[in-house]
Amino acid sequence: MAAPMLLTAASRYISGRLLRLLEEGGRGLRCLARYPHPVASRWAAAAALVVATTLQMAVAQAQTPPPVRTVPLVDLDRYAGNWFEIARFPNRFQRQCVGDVRTTYVRRPDGRVDVVNRCRTAEGETEARGIARVVDEHSFARLKVRFAPAWLSFLAFVWGDYWIIGLAPDYSWAVVGDPGREYLWILARTPQIDGELVAAARAAASSNGFDVTRLVPTPQTASLHTTLRSLEHLTATAIPGAVVEHR
């Protein structure tokens, strides 16, 4: 925040100096103002425009946050399994979810990941099945996910960014976002986690430029054992032959 403030202050200072020069520049400037020479006036206007534009661009660049960073490396075999949503940014496609949001990731032989999302709604429960593909094979932290039918997979807009920007050393919690900072999720291996772990996850997001004040906690009412059994059954039926490990 210091750089934008300094540039803004500099912009105001230079603008003030220019005004004072025009006001106090003596007889020559007063004469120029009274009897402006066309060429001099055009050069003065052009110079003022260049200064103003340069300062505006510098302020805009200083206010632009750096690109979102992912974690250096993700072991997708360890990452696979069951996750519970601890908090999220409000978004349109989860509007019907009132709580008990959980997901399961299962590695596929082709390198992709099967995704099964489930949540509690006002009418009962709903689920969504999708697939994720790795787009960064150096870190395996950047993926694209789609829930649209397979026959629409050639359309770029049906794939959403899934960037892992925070991850506990023991894979007990994760933070998922997108490069535009529009979406954010905090996930954990259990329905509830200690406040210190939540703080660590929030810090991982905040240090990446996300506004963590937008996070909304996700109510988790089911017991861990019941929820895991439900997820295991869901995955076995949604993904034939899948083996889900409780991590």
Protein backbone atom coordinates (compact mmCIF):
# COMPACT_ATOMS: atom_id res chain seq x y z
CA MET A 1 0.00 0.00 0.00
CA ALA A 2 2.98 2.38 0.54
CA ALA A 3 3.92 2.63 -3.15
CA PRO A 4 0.47 3.80 -4.37
CA MET A 5 0.31 6.36 -1.54
CA LEU A 6 3.76 7.72 -2.44
CA LEU A 7 2.90 7.94 -6.13
CA THR A 8 -0.41 9.65 -5.38
CA ALA A 9 1.39 12.13 -3.13
CA ALA A 10 3.98 12.73 -5.87
CA SER A 11 1.23 13.30 -8.41
CA ARG A 12 -0.43 15.87 -6.18
CA TYR A 13 2.89 17.57 -5.45
CA ILE A 14 3.83 17.88 -9.14
CA SER A 15 0.35 19.12 -10.04
CA GLY A 16 0.58 21.72 -7.30
CA ARG A 17 4.01 22.83 -8.46
CA LEU A 18 2.77 23.22 -12.01
CA LEU A 19 -0.12 25.37 -10.82
CA ARG A 20 2.17 27.52 -8.70
CA LEU A 21 4.55 27.99 -11.65
CA LEU A 22 1.66 29.13 -13.80
CA GLU A 23 0.42 31.48 -11.08
CA GLU A 24 3.78 32.86 -9.95
CA GLY A 25 5.90 32.53 -13.03
CA GLY A 26 6.06 36.27 -13.54
CA ARG A 27 5.35 38.49 -16.45
CA GLY A 28 6.41 36.00 -19.10
CA LEU A 29 3.88 33.41 -18.05
CA ARG A 30 1.17 36.04 -17.56
CA CYS A 31 1.85 37.31 -21.03
CA LEU A 32 1.76 33.78 -22.37
CA ALA A 33 -1.54 33.22 -20.64
CA ARG A 34 -2.90 36.54 -21.95
CA TYR A 35 -1.45 36.25 -25.42
CA PRO A 36 -0.76 32.55 -25.85
CA HIS A 37 1.46 31.53 -28.69
CA PRO A 38 -0.23 28.63 -30.54
CA VAL A 39 2.89 26.45 -30.67
CA ALA A 40 3.87 27.14 -27.06
CA SER A 41 0.35 26.42 -25.88
CA ARG A 42 0.26 23.13 -27.72
CA TRP A 43 3.64 22.10 -26.29
CA ALA A 44 2.55 23.05 -22.77
CA ALA A 45 -0.68 21.09 -23.11
CA ALA A 46 1.18 18.07 -24.49
CA ALA A 47 3.73 18.18 -21.68
CA ALA A 48 1.01 18.38 -19.04
CA LEU A 49 -0.82 15.47 -20.65
CA VAL A 50 2.33 13.33 -20.71
CA VAL A 51 3.06 14.04 -17.05
CA ALA A 52 -0.51 13.29 -15.98
CA THR A 53 -0.71 10.09 -18.05
CA THR A 54 2.65 8.83 -16.78
CA LEU A 55 1.66 9.39 -13.17
CA GLN A 56 -1.70 7.73 -13.66
CA MET A 57 -0.05 4.67 -15.23
CA ALA A 58 2.48 4.47 -12.42
CA VAL A 59 -0.24 4.63 -9.77
CA ALA A 60 -2.32 2.00 -11.59
CA GLN A 61 0.66 -0.35 -11.88
CA ALA A 62 1.52 0.10 -8.21
CA GLN A 63 -2.07 -0.67 -7.21
CA THR A 64 -2.21 -3.85 -9.32
CA PRO A 65 -1.47 -6.85 -7.09
CA PRO A 66 1.17 -9.36 -8.19
CA PRO A 67 0.01 -12.56 -9.92
CA VAL A 68 -1.46 -15.31 -7.76
CA ARG A 69 1.14 -17.86 -6.68
CA THR A 70 0.48 -21.56 -6.23
CA VAL A 71 2.31 -23.87 -3.86
CA PRO A 72 5.59 -25.18 -5.32
CA LEU A 73 4.55 -28.83 -5.56
CA VAL A 74 1.49 -31.00 -4.96
CA ASP A 75 1.49 -34.77 -4.65
CA LEU A 76 -1.87 -35.53 -6.22
CA ASP A 77 -1.89 -39.03 -4.77
CA ARG A 78 -1.71 -37.53 -1.28
CA TYR A 79 -4.13 -34.77 -2.25
CA ALA A 80 -6.75 -37.28 -3.42
CA GLY A 81 -9.43 -38.40 -1.02
CA ASN A 82 -12.09 -36.67 1.04
CA TRP A 83 -12.23 -32.96 1.83
CA PHE A 84 -14.65 -30.80 3.80
CA GLU A 85 -15.32 -27.17 3.02
CA ILE A 86 -14.43 -24.94 5.95
CA ALA A 87 -15.12 -21.58 4.30
CA ARG A 88 -15.58 -20.06 0.85
CA PHE A 89 -16.17 -16.89 -1.08
CA PRO A 90 -19.88 -16.68 -1.95
CA ASN A 91 -20.43 -17.81 -5.53
CA ARG A 92 -23.38 -18.36 -7.81
CA PHE A 93 -22.99 -22.10 -8.36
CA GLN A 94 -23.05 -22.88 -4.62
CA ARG A 95 -25.94 -20.60 -3.80
CA GLN A 96 -28.20 -23.54 -2.99
CA CYS A 97 -25.69 -25.06 -0.54
CA VAL A 98 -26.56 -24.24 3.07
CA GLY A 99 -24.00 -26.52 4.69
CA ASP A 100 -22.22 -29.89 4.84
CA VAL A 101 -20.21 -29.19 1.71
CA ARG A 102 -17.73 -31.95 0.96
CA THR A 103 -15.84 -33.27 -2.01
CA THR A 104 -13.89 -36.34 -3.07
CA TYR A 105 -11.01 -36.48 -5.53
CA VAL A 106 -9.96 -39.77 -7.13
CA ARG A 107 -6.96 -40.18 -9.43
CA ARG A 108 -7.63 -41.78 -12.80
CA PRO A 109 -5.29 -43.97 -14.85
CA ASP A 110 -5.16 -41.28 -17.55
CA GLY A 111 -3.74 -38.74 -15.08
CA ARG A 112 -6.95 -36.82 -14.63
CA VAL A 113 -8.96 -36.55 -11.42
CA ASP A 114 -12.59 -37.48 -10.87
CA VAL A 115 -14.45 -34.96 -8.72
CA VAL A 116 -17.60 -35.58 -6.68
CA ASN A 117 -19.10 -32.59 -4.86
CA ARG A 118 -21.98 -32.82 -2.43
CA CYS A 119 -23.80 -30.38 -0.15
CA ARG A 120 -26.91 -29.96 1.96
CA THR A 121 -29.67 -27.76 0.53
CA ALA A 122 -32.97 -26.50 1.90
CA GLU A 123 -34.71 -29.40 0.13
CA GLY A 124 -32.23 -32.13 1.03
CA GLU A 125 -28.92 -32.86 -0.72
CA THR A 126 -27.44 -32.26 -4.11
CA GLU A 127 -24.36 -33.55 -5.86
CA ALA A 128 -22.24 -32.64 -8.86
CA ARG A 129 -19.76 -34.84 -10.71
CA GLY A 130 -16.90 -33.46 -12.69
CA ILE A 131 -13.38 -34.04 -13.89
CA ALA A 132 -10.12 -32.15 -13.43
CA ARG A 133 -7.03 -32.05 -15.61
CA VAL A 134 -3.56 -30.85 -14.72
CA VAL A 135 -2.35 -27.79 -16.63
CA ASP A 136 1.00 -27.37 -14.84
CA GLU A 137 2.96 -30.61 -14.74
CA HIS A 138 5.88 -29.01 -12.92
CA SER A 139 3.99 -28.21 -9.72
CA PHE A 140 0.70 -30.10 -10.27
CA ALA A 141 -0.87 -27.18 -8.38
CA ARG A 142 -2.79 -25.73 -11.31
CA LEU A 143 -5.75 -27.64 -12.65
CA LYS A 144 -8.83 -27.03 -14.75
CA VAL A 145 -12.17 -28.46 -13.61
CA ARG A 146 -15.40 -28.93 -15.51
CA PHE A 147 -18.84 -30.14 -14.51
CA ALA A 148 -20.36 -29.75 -17.96
CA PRO A 149 -21.02 -32.85 -20.08
CA ALA A 150 -18.04 -34.45 -21.77
CA TRP A 151 -19.29 -33.52 -25.23
CA LEU A 152 -18.83 -29.85 -24.29
CA SER A 153 -15.26 -30.32 -23.07
CA PHE A 154 -13.82 -28.72 -26.21
CA LEU A 155 -15.24 -25.36 -25.07
CA ALA A 156 -12.70 -23.43 -23.02
CA PHE A 157 -15.30 -21.64 -20.90
CA VAL A 158 -16.66 -24.86 -19.35
CA TRP A 159 -13.31 -25.37 -17.61
CA GLY A 160 -12.72 -23.43 -14.40
CA ASP A 161 -9.39 -22.66 -12.77
CA TYR A 162 -8.49 -24.68 -9.68
CA TRP A 163 -5.25 -23.38 -8.21
CA ILE A 164 -3.88 -24.78 -4.96
CA ILE A 165 -2.40 -21.70 -3.29
CA GLY A 166 -2.00 -23.09 0.23
CA LEU A 167 -1.35 -26.57 1.56
CA ALA A 168 -0.46 -27.91 4.99
CA PRO A 169 2.73 -30.00 5.14
CA ASP A 170 0.64 -32.99 6.24
CA TYR A 171 -2.11 -32.25 3.69
CA SER A 172 -4.61 -31.65 6.51
CA TRP A 173 -5.88 -28.41 4.96
CA ALA A 174 -5.72 -26.72 1.59
CA VAL A 175 -6.57 -23.36 0.08
CA VAL A 176 -7.93 -23.25 -3.46
CA GLY A 177 -8.38 -20.11 -5.53
CA ASP A 178 -8.23 -18.75 -9.04
CA PRO A 179 -5.88 -16.32 -10.83
CA GLY A 180 -8.53 -13.59 -10.86
CA ARG A 181 -9.08 -13.79 -7.07
CA GLU A 182 -12.82 -14.19 -7.61
CA TYR A 183 -13.11 -17.60 -5.94
CA LEU A 184 -11.62 -19.00 -2.77
CA TRP A 185 -12.13 -22.14 -0.72
CA ILE A 186 -10.58 -23.43 2.49
CA LEU A 187 -10.74 -27.23 2.66
CA ALA A 188 -9.82 -29.68 5.41
CA ARG A 189 -9.73 -33.42 5.96
CA THR A 190 -12.19 -33.14 8.86
CA PRO A 191 -15.49 -31.24 9.17
CA GLN A 192 -13.97 -28.87 11.75
CA ILE A 193 -10.39 -27.76 12.35
CA ASP A 194 -8.64 -25.76 15.06
CA GLY A 195 -8.64 -22.00 14.90
CA GLU A 196 -4.87 -21.96 14.44
CA LEU A 197 -5.16 -24.05 11.29
CA VAL A 198 -7.93 -21.81 9.95
CA ALA A 199 -5.71 -18.80 10.64
CA ALA A 200 -2.83 -20.44 8.75
CA ALA A 201 -5.09 -21.13 5.77
CA ARG A 202 -6.43 -17.57 5.81
CA ALA A 203 -2.87 -16.24 5.99
CA ALA A 204 -1.93 -18.28 2.89
CA ALA A 205 -4.80 -16.65 1.01
CA SER A 206 -4.20 -13.15 2.37
CA SER A 207 -0.50 -13.24 1.43
CA ASN A 208 -1.63 -14.04 -2.11
CA GLY A 209 -3.76 -10.91 -2.36
CA PHE A 210 -7.15 -12.44 -1.57
CA ASP A 211 -9.59 -10.40 0.53
CA VAL A 212 -10.19 -12.93 3.30
CA THR A 213 -12.89 -10.74 4.85
CA ARG A 214 -15.15 -12.13 2.11
CA LEU A 215 -14.82 -15.68 3.44
CA VAL A 216 -18.04 -17.20 4.79
CA PRO A 217 -17.77 -20.18 7.18
CA THR A 218 -19.45 -23.39 6.00
CA PRO A 219 -21.67 -25.14 8.58
CA GLN A 220 -20.75 -28.81 9.01
CA THR A 221 -23.33 -30.67 11.05
CA ALA A 222 -22.76 -34.35 10.25
CA SER A 223 -20.33 -36.44 12.28
CA LEU A 224 -17.01 -37.29 10.68
CA HIS A 225 -17.72 -41.04 10.63
CA THR A 226 -21.17 -40.62 9.07
CA THR A 227 -19.93 -38.18 6.46
CA LEU A 228 -16.98 -40.36 5.46
CA ARG A 229 -19.22 -43.37 5.05
CA SER A 230 -21.55 -41.29 2.90
CA LEU A 231 -18.68 -40.04 0.77
CA GLU A 232 -17.28 -43.53 0.36
CA HIS A 233 -20.66 -44.83 -0.83
CA LEU A 234 -21.11 -41.84 -3.14
CA THR A 235 -17.70 -42.28 -4.72
CA ALA A 236 -18.08 -46.03 -5.15
CA THR A 237 -21.37 -45.53 -7.00
CA ALA A 238 -20.32 -42.46 -8.97
CA ILE A 239 -16.89 -43.79 -9.93
CA PRO A 240 -17.03 -47.55 -10.43
CA GLY A 241 -13.96 -49.35 -9.20
CA ALA A 242 -12.67 -46.34 -7.28
CA VAL A 243 -10.94 -46.91 -3.98
CA VAL A 244 -11.24 -44.05 -1.51
CA GLU A 245 -8.68 -43.72 1.26
CA HIS A 246 -9.56 -41.87 4.47
CA ARG A 247 -6.72 -39.40 4.80
